[in-house]
Amino acid sequence: VPADAFELRRAAALQAWYEHMPIRRANMPRFGSGTFHRTARFGNLAELQLLDTRSYRSDQACDDGFKPICEGVGDKTAQVLGAEQEEWLARNLRRNSARWNCLAQQIMMMSLDRRRAANEDTRIANMDSWAAYEVPRQRMLGRMAGLGNVVVLTGDEHQNFVGDLVHQDKVVGTEIVATSISSGGDGSDLRYGSEQMMK
């Protein structure tokens, strides 16, 4: 897609997002750009960090898709949140002033092995998830370590999962992955290979 056509697509997508989400006027996109991360607080029960994992990240490693881990997954310069948003989140996590520190975001953070057949002997990762950005993923998990109250809420996976977030052999949080109300698991209750993945 040519760059100018992509910018028009992006602007239209952000406008649709703004018109269909419960977003404050201050977050209205202008000319296809804006700041979309923000905080919502629910008394002392929960502080919800709403992240933008789409606007600032590096291109996906290994040409995207579900693939074996490639060298690009360990890229030390890779970004998911971008430097400014990552520092904003680090400050908010350090504050740790509510019972629950919740991160709401778009791409799975846990390191789920996506092998779907018994004869696959190499770990498969979704290159459109944190698993393809191991350096920023480990940095994020390191920031969660010791807090004892982090819950990551993830969408955009078209299926449901729950799992531990592990850093240096210690559980540092829990991730709940939920599908959208409209995806219906892409037409089936279980995807091909789900039973193998759950093993």
C-alpha atoms as a PDB file:
ATOM      1  CA  VAL A   1       0.000   0.000   0.000  1.00  0.00           C
ATOM      2  CA  PRO A   2       1.465   3.414  -0.895  1.00  0.00           C
ATOM      3  CA  ALA A   3       2.310   5.596   2.125  1.00  0.00           C
ATOM      4  CA  ASP A   4      -0.299   8.274   1.356  1.00  0.00           C
ATOM      5  CA  ALA A   5      -3.069   5.658   0.952  1.00  0.00           C
ATOM      6  CA  PHE A   6      -1.989   4.024   4.224  1.00  0.00           C
ATOM      7  CA  GLU A   7      -2.209   7.389   6.034  1.00  0.00           C
ATOM      8  CA  LEU A   8      -5.772   7.877   4.763  1.00  0.00           C
ATOM      9  CA  ARG A   9      -6.675   4.344   5.926  1.00  0.00           C
ATOM     10  CA  ARG A  10      -5.136   5.017   9.334  1.00  0.00           C
ATOM     11  CA  ALA A  11      -7.036   8.293   9.712  1.00  0.00           C
ATOM     12  CA  ALA A  12     -10.342   6.574   8.796  1.00  0.00           C
ATOM     13  CA  ALA A  13      -9.650   3.710  11.222  1.00  0.00           C
ATOM     14  CA  LEU A  14      -8.858   6.095  14.075  1.00  0.00           C
ATOM     15  CA  GLN A  15     -12.014   8.094  13.353  1.00  0.00           C
ATOM     16  CA  ALA A  16     -14.106   4.899  13.461  1.00  0.00           C
ATOM     17  CA  TRP A  17     -12.381   3.902  16.717  1.00  0.00           C
ATOM     18  CA  TYR A  18     -13.173   7.282  18.266  1.00  0.00           C
ATOM     19  CA  GLU A  19     -16.813   7.208  17.148  1.00  0.00           C
ATOM     20  CA  HIS A  20     -17.467   3.695  18.513  1.00  0.00           C
ATOM     21  CA  MET A  21     -15.568   3.688  21.795  1.00  0.00           C
ATOM     22  CA  PRO A  22     -16.308   5.446  25.092  1.00  0.00           C
ATOM     23  CA  ILE A  23     -13.460   7.919  24.588  1.00  0.00           C
ATOM     24  CA  ARG A  24     -13.094  11.414  25.996  1.00  0.00           C
ATOM     25  CA  ARG A  25     -13.137  14.334  23.567  1.00  0.00           C
ATOM     26  CA  ALA A  26      -9.491  15.035  24.490  1.00  0.00           C
ATOM     27  CA  ASN A  27      -8.543  11.736  22.821  1.00  0.00           C
ATOM     28  CA  MET A  28     -10.199  12.561  19.491  1.00  0.00           C
ATOM     29  CA  PRO A  29      -7.719  11.806  16.703  1.00  0.00           C
ATOM     30  CA  ARG A  30      -6.629  14.776  14.624  1.00  0.00           C
ATOM     31  CA  PHE A  31      -5.456  14.216  11.055  1.00  0.00           C
ATOM     32  CA  GLY A  32      -4.800  10.524  11.703  1.00  0.00           C
ATOM     33  CA  SER A  33      -2.721  10.933  14.838  1.00  0.00           C
ATOM     34  CA  GLY A  34      -3.071  11.496  18.554  1.00  0.00           C
ATOM     35  CA  THR A  35      -2.227  10.044  21.931  1.00  0.00           C
ATOM     36  CA  PHE A  36      -4.331   7.007  22.701  1.00  0.00           C
ATOM     37  CA  HIS A  37      -2.901   5.675  25.970  1.00  0.00           C
ATOM     38  CA  ARG A  38      -4.554   6.855  29.151  1.00  0.00           C
ATOM     39  CA  THR A  39      -5.394   5.954  32.745  1.00  0.00           C
ATOM     40  CA  ALA A  40      -8.761   5.183  34.331  1.00  0.00           C
ATOM     41  CA  ARG A  41      -8.996   4.918  38.113  1.00  0.00           C
ATOM     42  CA  PHE A  42     -11.687   3.183  40.143  1.00  0.00           C
ATOM     43  CA  GLY A  43     -11.160   4.553  43.641  1.00  0.00           C
ATOM     44  CA  ASN A  44      -8.509   2.539  45.460  1.00  0.00           C
ATOM     45  CA  LEU A  45      -9.696  -0.736  43.879  1.00  0.00           C
ATOM     46  CA  ALA A  46      -8.056  -0.551  40.458  1.00  0.00           C
ATOM     47  CA  GLU A  47      -5.926   1.642  38.280  1.00  0.00           C
ATOM     48  CA  LEU A  48      -6.371   0.746  34.636  1.00  0.00           C
ATOM     49  CA  GLN A  49      -3.620   1.654  32.178  1.00  0.00           C
ATOM     50  CA  LEU A  50      -5.074   1.629  28.659  1.00  0.00           C
ATOM     51  CA  LEU A  51      -2.143   1.015  26.328  1.00  0.00           C
ATOM     52  CA  ASP A  52      -1.575   1.588  22.632  1.00  0.00           C
ATOM     53  CA  THR A  53       0.451  -1.355  21.298  1.00  0.00           C
ATOM     54  CA  ARG A  54      -0.199  -0.551  17.637  1.00  0.00           C
ATOM     55  CA  SER A  55       1.019   3.005  16.940  1.00  0.00           C
ATOM     56  CA  TYR A  56       4.643   2.956  18.096  1.00  0.00           C
ATOM     57  CA  ARG A  57       5.884  -0.583  17.686  1.00  0.00           C
ATOM     58  CA  SER A  58       8.612  -1.828  15.399  1.00  0.00           C
ATOM     59  CA  ASP A  59       7.689  -3.940  12.394  1.00  0.00           C
ATOM     60  CA  GLN A  60       6.893  -7.564  13.301  1.00  0.00           C
ATOM     61  CA  ALA A  61       9.797  -9.999  13.222  1.00  0.00           C
ATOM     62  CA  CYS A  62      10.041 -12.968  10.844  1.00  0.00           C
ATOM     63  CA  ASP A  63       7.644 -11.407   8.297  1.00  0.00           C
ATOM     64  CA  ASP A  64       4.638 -11.650  10.653  1.00  0.00           C
ATOM     65  CA  GLY A  65       2.299 -14.655  11.080  1.00  0.00           C
ATOM     66  CA  PHE A  66       2.594 -17.753  13.310  1.00  0.00           C
ATOM     67  CA  LYS A  67       6.199 -18.908  12.903  1.00  0.00           C
ATOM     68  CA  PRO A  68       9.205 -20.441  14.640  1.00  0.00           C
ATOM     69  CA  ILE A  69      11.250 -17.928  16.629  1.00  0.00           C
ATOM     70  CA  CYS A  70      13.716 -16.112  14.386  1.00  0.00           C
ATOM     71  CA  GLU A  71      16.668 -13.842  15.120  1.00  0.00           C
ATOM     72  CA  GLY A  72      14.521 -10.683  14.889  1.00  0.00           C
ATOM     73  CA  VAL A  73      12.584 -11.677  18.022  1.00  0.00           C
ATOM     74  CA  GLY A  74      15.667 -10.785  20.107  1.00  0.00           C
ATOM     75  CA  ASP A  75      16.167  -7.344  18.509  1.00  0.00           C
ATOM     76  CA  LYS A  76      17.460  -5.066  21.287  1.00  0.00           C
ATOM     77  CA  THR A  77      16.077  -1.954  19.579  1.00  0.00           C
ATOM     78  CA  ALA A  78      12.542  -3.312  19.070  1.00  0.00           C
ATOM     79  CA  GLN A  79       9.648  -1.357  20.555  1.00  0.00           C
ATOM     80  CA  VAL A  80       6.062  -2.233  21.383  1.00  0.00           C
ATOM     81  CA  LEU A  81       4.955   0.870  23.275  1.00  0.00           C
ATOM     82  CA  GLY A  82       7.555   3.383  22.145  1.00  0.00           C
ATOM     83  CA  ALA A  83       9.900   5.099  24.603  1.00  0.00           C
ATOM     84  CA  GLU A  84       7.505   7.831  25.780  1.00  0.00           C
ATOM     85  CA  GLN A  85       4.536   5.540  26.477  1.00  0.00           C
ATOM     86  CA  GLU A  86       6.791   2.938  28.102  1.00  0.00           C
ATOM     87  CA  GLU A  87       8.206   5.522  30.529  1.00  0.00           C
ATOM     88  CA  TRP A  88       4.678   6.820  31.254  1.00  0.00           C
ATOM     89  CA  LEU A  89       3.605   3.256  32.089  1.00  0.00           C
ATOM     90  CA  ALA A  90       6.698   2.619  34.239  1.00  0.00           C
ATOM     91  CA  ARG A  91       5.889   5.727  36.332  1.00  0.00           C
ATOM     92  CA  ASN A  92       2.281   4.619  36.751  1.00  0.00           C
ATOM     93  CA  LEU A  93       3.259   1.077  37.768  1.00  0.00           C
ATOM     94  CA  ARG A  94       5.764   2.394  40.337  1.00  0.00           C
ATOM     95  CA  ARG A  95       2.995   4.486  41.909  1.00  0.00           C
ATOM     96  CA  ASN A  96       1.207   1.198  42.794  1.00  0.00           C
ATOM     97  CA  SER A  97      -1.498   3.063  44.712  1.00  0.00           C
ATOM     98  CA  ALA A  98      -4.524   0.841  43.996  1.00  0.00           C
ATOM     99  CA  ARG A  99      -5.328  -2.737  44.993  1.00  0.00           C
ATOM    100  CA  TRP A 100      -5.021  -3.879  41.367  1.00  0.00           C
ATOM    101  CA  ASN A 101      -2.661  -2.638  38.659  1.00  0.00           C
ATOM    102  CA  CYS A 102      -4.456  -3.465  35.408  1.00  0.00           C
ATOM    103  CA  LEU A 103      -3.062  -3.098  31.913  1.00  0.00           C
ATOM    104  CA  ALA A 104      -5.604  -3.157  29.090  1.00  0.00           C
ATOM    105  CA  GLN A 105      -4.016  -3.711  25.707  1.00  0.00           C
ATOM    106  CA  GLN A 106      -4.304  -5.398  22.336  1.00  0.00           C
ATOM    107  CA  ILE A 107      -1.691  -8.146  21.932  1.00  0.00           C
ATOM    108  CA  MET A 108      -1.019 -11.253  24.017  1.00  0.00           C
ATOM    109  CA  MET A 109       1.816 -10.820  26.504  1.00  0.00           C
ATOM    110  CA  MET A 110       2.247 -14.376  27.787  1.00  0.00           C
ATOM    111  CA  SER A 111       4.650 -16.616  25.927  1.00  0.00           C
ATOM    112  CA  LEU A 112       2.177 -19.094  24.464  1.00  0.00           C
ATOM    113  CA  ASP A 113       3.665 -21.932  22.408  1.00  0.00           C
ATOM    114  CA  ARG A 114       1.520 -22.008  19.249  1.00  0.00           C
ATOM    115  CA  ARG A 115       2.470 -25.499  18.012  1.00  0.00           C
ATOM    116  CA  ARG A 116      -0.724 -27.114  16.693  1.00  0.00           C
ATOM    117  CA  ALA A 117       0.458 -30.547  15.611  1.00  0.00           C
ATOM    118  CA  ALA A 118       2.320 -33.292  17.471  1.00  0.00           C
ATOM    119  CA  ASN A 119       5.012 -33.442  14.761  1.00  0.00           C
ATOM    120  CA  GLU A 120       6.022 -29.784  15.149  1.00  0.00           C
ATOM    121  CA  ASP A 121       9.248 -29.835  17.157  1.00  0.00           C
ATOM    122  CA  THR A 122      10.060 -26.110  17.181  1.00  0.00           C
ATOM    123  CA  ARG A 123       8.236 -23.557  19.306  1.00  0.00           C
ATOM    124  CA  ILE A 124       5.846 -21.401  17.258  1.00  0.00           C
ATOM    125  CA  ALA A 125       5.057 -17.804  18.228  1.00  0.00           C
ATOM    126  CA  ASN A 126       2.541 -15.250  17.037  1.00  0.00           C
ATOM    127  CA  MET A 127       4.678 -12.508  15.494  1.00  0.00           C
ATOM    128  CA  ASP A 128       1.809 -10.076  16.111  1.00  0.00           C
ATOM    129  CA  SER A 129       2.165 -10.424  19.906  1.00  0.00           C
ATOM    130  CA  TRP A 130       4.632  -9.493  22.663  1.00  0.00           C
ATOM    131  CA  ALA A 131       6.280 -12.910  22.079  1.00  0.00           C
ATOM    132  CA  ALA A 132       7.884 -11.479  18.920  1.00  0.00           C
ATOM    133  CA  TYR A 133       9.389  -8.572  20.902  1.00  0.00           C
ATOM    134  CA  GLU A 134      11.331 -10.422  23.589  1.00  0.00           C
ATOM    135  CA  VAL A 135      13.516  -7.521  24.780  1.00  0.00           C
ATOM    136  CA  PRO A 136      10.650  -5.069  25.472  1.00  0.00           C
ATOM    137  CA  ARG A 137       8.560  -7.977  26.790  1.00  0.00           C
ATOM    138  CA  GLN A 138      11.211  -8.868  29.370  1.00  0.00           C
ATOM    139  CA  ARG A 139      11.568  -5.179  30.274  1.00  0.00           C
ATOM    140  CA  MET A 140       7.801  -5.001  30.870  1.00  0.00           C
ATOM    141  CA  LEU A 141       7.742  -8.190  32.950  1.00  0.00           C
ATOM    142  CA  GLY A 142      10.695  -6.867  34.979  1.00  0.00           C
ATOM    143  CA  ARG A 143       8.667  -3.755  35.814  1.00  0.00           C
ATOM    144  CA  MET A 144       5.835  -5.953  37.087  1.00  0.00           C
ATOM    145  CA  ALA A 145       8.146  -7.992  39.324  1.00  0.00           C
ATOM    146  CA  GLY A 146       7.576  -7.403  43.015  1.00  0.00           C
ATOM    147  CA  LEU A 147       4.276  -5.522  42.614  1.00  0.00           C
ATOM    148  CA  GLY A 148       2.115  -8.574  43.345  1.00  0.00           C
ATOM    149  CA  ASN A 149      -1.045  -7.077  41.854  1.00  0.00           C
ATOM    150  CA  VAL A 150      -0.723  -6.909  38.055  1.00  0.00           C
ATOM    151  CA  VAL A 151      -3.499  -8.158  35.794  1.00  0.00           C
ATOM    152  CA  VAL A 152      -3.119  -7.793  32.025  1.00  0.00           C
ATOM    153  CA  LEU A 153      -6.358  -7.633  30.067  1.00  0.00           C
ATOM    154  CA  THR A 154      -5.900  -8.446  26.390  1.00  0.00           C
ATOM    155  CA  GLY A 155      -8.200  -8.411  23.373  1.00  0.00           C
ATOM    156  CA  ASP A 156      -7.763  -8.867  19.622  1.00  0.00           C
ATOM    157  CA  GLU A 157      -6.948 -12.577  19.833  1.00  0.00           C
ATOM    158  CA  HIS A 158     -10.308 -14.026  18.636  1.00  0.00           C
ATOM    159  CA  GLN A 159     -10.153 -16.669  21.386  1.00  0.00           C
ATOM    160  CA  ASN A 160      -9.977 -16.808  25.180  1.00  0.00           C
ATOM    161  CA  PHE A 161      -7.004 -17.679  27.368  1.00  0.00           C
ATOM    162  CA  VAL A 162      -5.792 -17.113  30.895  1.00  0.00           C
ATOM    163  CA  GLY A 163      -2.222 -17.640  32.024  1.00  0.00           C
ATOM    164  CA  ASP A 164       0.707 -16.620  34.171  1.00  0.00           C
ATOM    165  CA  LEU A 165       3.195 -13.949  33.173  1.00  0.00           C
ATOM    166  CA  VAL A 166       6.600 -15.275  34.170  1.00  0.00           C
ATOM    167  CA  HIS A 167       9.864 -13.342  34.575  1.00  0.00           C
ATOM    168  CA  GLN A 168      13.050 -15.134  35.670  1.00  0.00           C
ATOM    169  CA  ASP A 169      11.037 -18.187  36.804  1.00  0.00           C
ATOM    170  CA  LYS A 170       8.697 -16.094  38.983  1.00  0.00           C
ATOM    171  CA  VAL A 171       5.055 -15.292  38.295  1.00  0.00           C
ATOM    172  CA  VAL A 172       4.758 -11.498  38.090  1.00  0.00           C
ATOM    173  CA  GLY A 173       1.167 -11.193  36.879  1.00  0.00           C
ATOM    174  CA  THR A 174      -1.853 -12.833  35.330  1.00  0.00           C
ATOM    175  CA  GLU A 175      -3.120 -12.315  31.816  1.00  0.00           C
ATOM    176  CA  ILE A 176      -6.749 -12.689  30.789  1.00  0.00           C
ATOM    177  CA  VAL A 177      -7.218 -12.794  27.034  1.00  0.00           C
ATOM    178  CA  ALA A 178     -10.774 -12.296  25.815  1.00  0.00           C
ATOM    179  CA  THR A 179     -12.218 -12.313  22.352  1.00  0.00           C
ATOM    180  CA  SER A 180     -14.448  -9.532  21.111  1.00  0.00           C
ATOM    181  CA  ILE A 181     -18.198 -10.017  21.395  1.00  0.00           C
ATOM    182  CA  SER A 182     -18.427 -10.072  17.607  1.00  0.00           C
ATOM    183  CA  SER A 183     -15.697 -12.520  16.540  1.00  0.00           C
ATOM    184  CA  GLY A 184     -17.254 -15.817  17.667  1.00  0.00           C
ATOM    185  CA  GLY A 185     -13.843 -17.493  17.612  1.00  0.00           C
ATOM    186  CA  ASP A 186     -13.660 -16.969  13.847  1.00  0.00           C
ATOM    187  CA  GLY A 187     -16.544 -19.373  13.302  1.00  0.00           C
ATOM    188  CA  SER A 188     -15.683 -22.258  15.611  1.00  0.00           C
ATOM    189  CA  ASP A 189     -15.517 -22.954  19.328  1.00  0.00           C
ATOM    190  CA  LEU A 190     -11.996 -24.351  19.005  1.00  0.00           C
ATOM    191  CA  ARG A 191      -9.425 -23.551  16.338  1.00  0.00           C
ATOM    192  CA  TYR A 192      -7.465 -26.279  14.572  1.00  0.00           C
ATOM    193  CA  GLY A 193      -4.745 -27.537  16.923  1.00  0.00           C
ATOM    194  CA  SER A 194      -6.231 -26.019  20.095  1.00  0.00           C
ATOM    195  CA  GLU A 195      -6.050 -29.371  21.901  1.00  0.00           C
ATOM    196  CA  GLN A 196      -2.337 -29.680  21.073  1.00  0.00           C
ATOM    197  CA  MET A 197      -1.649 -26.116  22.190  1.00  0.00           C
ATOM    198  CA  MET A 198      -3.383 -26.710  25.525  1.00  0.00           C
ATOM    199  CA  LYS A 199      -1.117 -29.710  26.195  1.00  0.00           C
END
